[in-house]
Structures are given as structure tokens and as C-alpha cells.
Protein backbone atom coordinates (compact mmCIF):
# COMPACT_ATOMS: atom_id res chain seq x y z
CA UNK A 1 3.50 5.50 12.00
CA UNK A 2 5.94 2.75 11.14
CA UNK A 3 9.74 2.66 11.28
CA UNK A 4 11.75 1.13 8.45
CA UNK A 5 15.44 1.36 7.63
CA UNK A 6 17.05 2.71 4.50
CA UNK A 7 20.46 3.63 3.17
CA UNK A 8 21.57 7.24 3.32
CA UNK A 9 24.44 9.22 1.81
CA UNK A 10 25.60 12.81 1.90
CA UNK A 11 25.25 14.29 -1.57
CA UNK A 12 27.04 17.52 -0.67
CA UNK A 13 23.99 19.65 0.00
CA UNK A 14 22.56 17.35 2.67
CA UNK A 15 21.72 13.78 3.51
CA UNK A 16 19.92 11.88 0.78
CA UNK A 17 17.84 8.69 1.05
CA UNK A 18 18.85 6.10 -1.55
CA UNK A 19 15.24 5.12 -2.28
CA UNK A 20 16.01 3.00 -5.33
CA UNK A 21 17.85 0.46 -3.16
CA UNK A 22 14.75 -0.22 -1.07
CA UNK A 23 13.84 -0.30 2.61
CA UNK A 24 14.15 -3.00 5.27
CA UNK A 25 12.11 -3.78 8.36
CA UNK A 26 15.13 -4.13 10.65
CA UNK A 27 18.40 -2.27 10.97
CA UNK A 28 20.26 -5.58 10.84
CA UNK A 29 18.79 -6.49 7.42
CA UNK A 30 19.74 -3.10 6.00
CA UNK A 31 23.25 -3.41 7.44
CA UNK A 32 23.64 -6.90 5.97
CA UNK A 33 22.63 -5.59 2.54
CA UNK A 34 25.13 -2.76 2.78
CA UNK A 35 27.96 -5.10 3.86
CA UNK A 36 27.18 -7.88 1.35
CA UNK A 37 25.98 -6.03 -1.75
CA UNK A 38 28.01 -2.83 -1.48
CA UNK A 39 31.25 -3.83 0.32
CA UNK A 40 33.45 -1.22 -1.39
CA UNK A 41 31.09 1.73 -1.05
CA UNK A 42 31.96 4.52 1.32
CA UNK A 43 29.88 7.36 2.71
CA UNK A 44 26.72 5.24 2.96
CA UNK A 45 25.03 4.36 6.25
CA UNK A 46 21.82 2.84 7.61
CA UNK A 47 19.24 5.19 9.09
CA UNK A 48 15.75 4.76 10.52
CA UNK A 49 12.90 6.27 8.52
CA UNK A 50 9.42 6.96 9.85
CA UNK A 51 6.64 6.42 7.34
CA UNK A 52 2.89 6.80 7.55
CA UNK A 53 1.49 3.28 7.40
CA UNK A 54 -1.84 3.87 5.64
CA UNK A 55 -3.27 0.44 6.39
CA UNK A 56 -2.92 -0.83 9.95
CA UNK A 57 -1.77 -4.43 10.29
CA UNK A 58 -5.05 -5.37 11.98
CA UNK A 59 -6.98 -4.52 8.80
CA UNK A 60 -7.10 -7.45 6.41
CA UNK A 61 -9.05 -7.28 3.18
CA UNK A 62 -10.12 -10.64 1.82
CA UNK A 63 -9.41 -10.22 -1.87
CA UNK A 64 -10.86 -13.62 -2.82
CA UNK A 65 -14.45 -12.89 -1.82
CA UNK A 66 -16.52 -11.45 -4.64
CA UNK A 67 -19.87 -9.65 -4.41
CA UNK A 68 -22.62 -9.92 -7.00
CA UNK A 69 -24.29 -6.80 -8.37
CA UNK A 70 -28.05 -7.02 -7.88
CA UNK A 71 -28.70 -5.35 -11.25
CA UNK A 72 -26.33 -7.00 -13.73
CA UNK A 73 -25.57 -10.15 -11.69
CA UNK A 74 -21.83 -9.85 -12.41
CA UNK A 75 -19.46 -10.54 -9.53
CA UNK A 76 -17.08 -7.74 -8.52
CA UNK A 77 -14.55 -7.18 -5.76
CA UNK A 78 -15.60 -5.09 -2.75
CA UNK A 79 -13.97 -1.91 -4.10
CA UNK A 80 -16.31 -1.87 -7.12
CA UNK A 81 -19.55 -2.45 -5.19
CA UNK A 82 -21.63 0.26 -3.54
CA UNK A 83 -24.24 -0.68 -0.97
CA UNK A 84 -27.39 1.43 -1.32
CA UNK A 85 -30.23 0.62 1.09
CA UNK A 86 -28.86 -2.92 1.66
CA UNK A 87 -28.65 -3.53 -2.11
CA UNK A 88 -25.27 -4.27 -3.72
CA UNK A 89 -24.82 -2.24 -6.90
CA UNK A 90 -21.65 -2.11 -9.02
CA UNK A 91 -20.14 1.21 -10.01
CA UNK A 92 -21.32 0.68 -13.61
CA UNK A 93 -24.98 0.18 -12.62
CA UNK A 94 -25.06 2.82 -9.88
CA UNK A 95 -26.29 5.75 -12.04
CA UNK A 96 -29.19 3.72 -13.46
CA UNK A 97 -30.08 2.38 -10.01
CA UNK A 98 -30.11 5.86 -8.48
CA UNK A 99 -32.44 7.09 -11.27
CA UNK A 100 -34.87 4.25 -10.64
CA UNK A 101 -34.59 3.70 -6.89
CA UNK A 102 -37.55 1.57 -5.92
CA UNK A 103 -39.82 2.98 -3.32
């Protein structure tokens, strides 16, 4: 879980997150935005929001490294390659490879 800060207002039926204005990593940044960009607005405040951070900061995907498909010899990114028995096969060649698995 990760905490970010956003701007909130009371729309009459409850507090509402002003999602179209964005989120900030610190309360100070959000407060500066509110003071500088919306100086004449009233009824808006900064509040902490807890979000589910799907990718932990420790995980880094190297987007520059490409992998070659062993069947068509075209290079793809890691998301489009499936490793079957230590053989790299792209998602386009996978059905044909599975039909003709050597062995």
C-alpha cells in the first residue's frame, strides 16, 4: 500500500476526491498546488489517500532488452515471449510450437 495526497471537497452528499486535478507524493506538494493554482477556491482541502501499489519499487523491468523468438527469429519484449522448456517462443508462434513440440 502506498500513501499519496489529493484534493478533496464536500459535494453535499459526502466528501469527494477531485481526481482530475491529480495526486502528489507529499502533503506539502499538494498544499502548494492548492495555494498557487487555486488561491480563490474555498471548501477544498488536502487529504491522504491509500492506494494499492501494484508494482513494488524494488521491481524494475528493463524495457530495452529484447528477446528473440526461436521460431520466427523476430525480437520481442519480455511480455510477448513465452518460455516453453527453455525455448523462447513469441505469442504468435506459440500455437504452432505447441502442436509440434519436439521430443
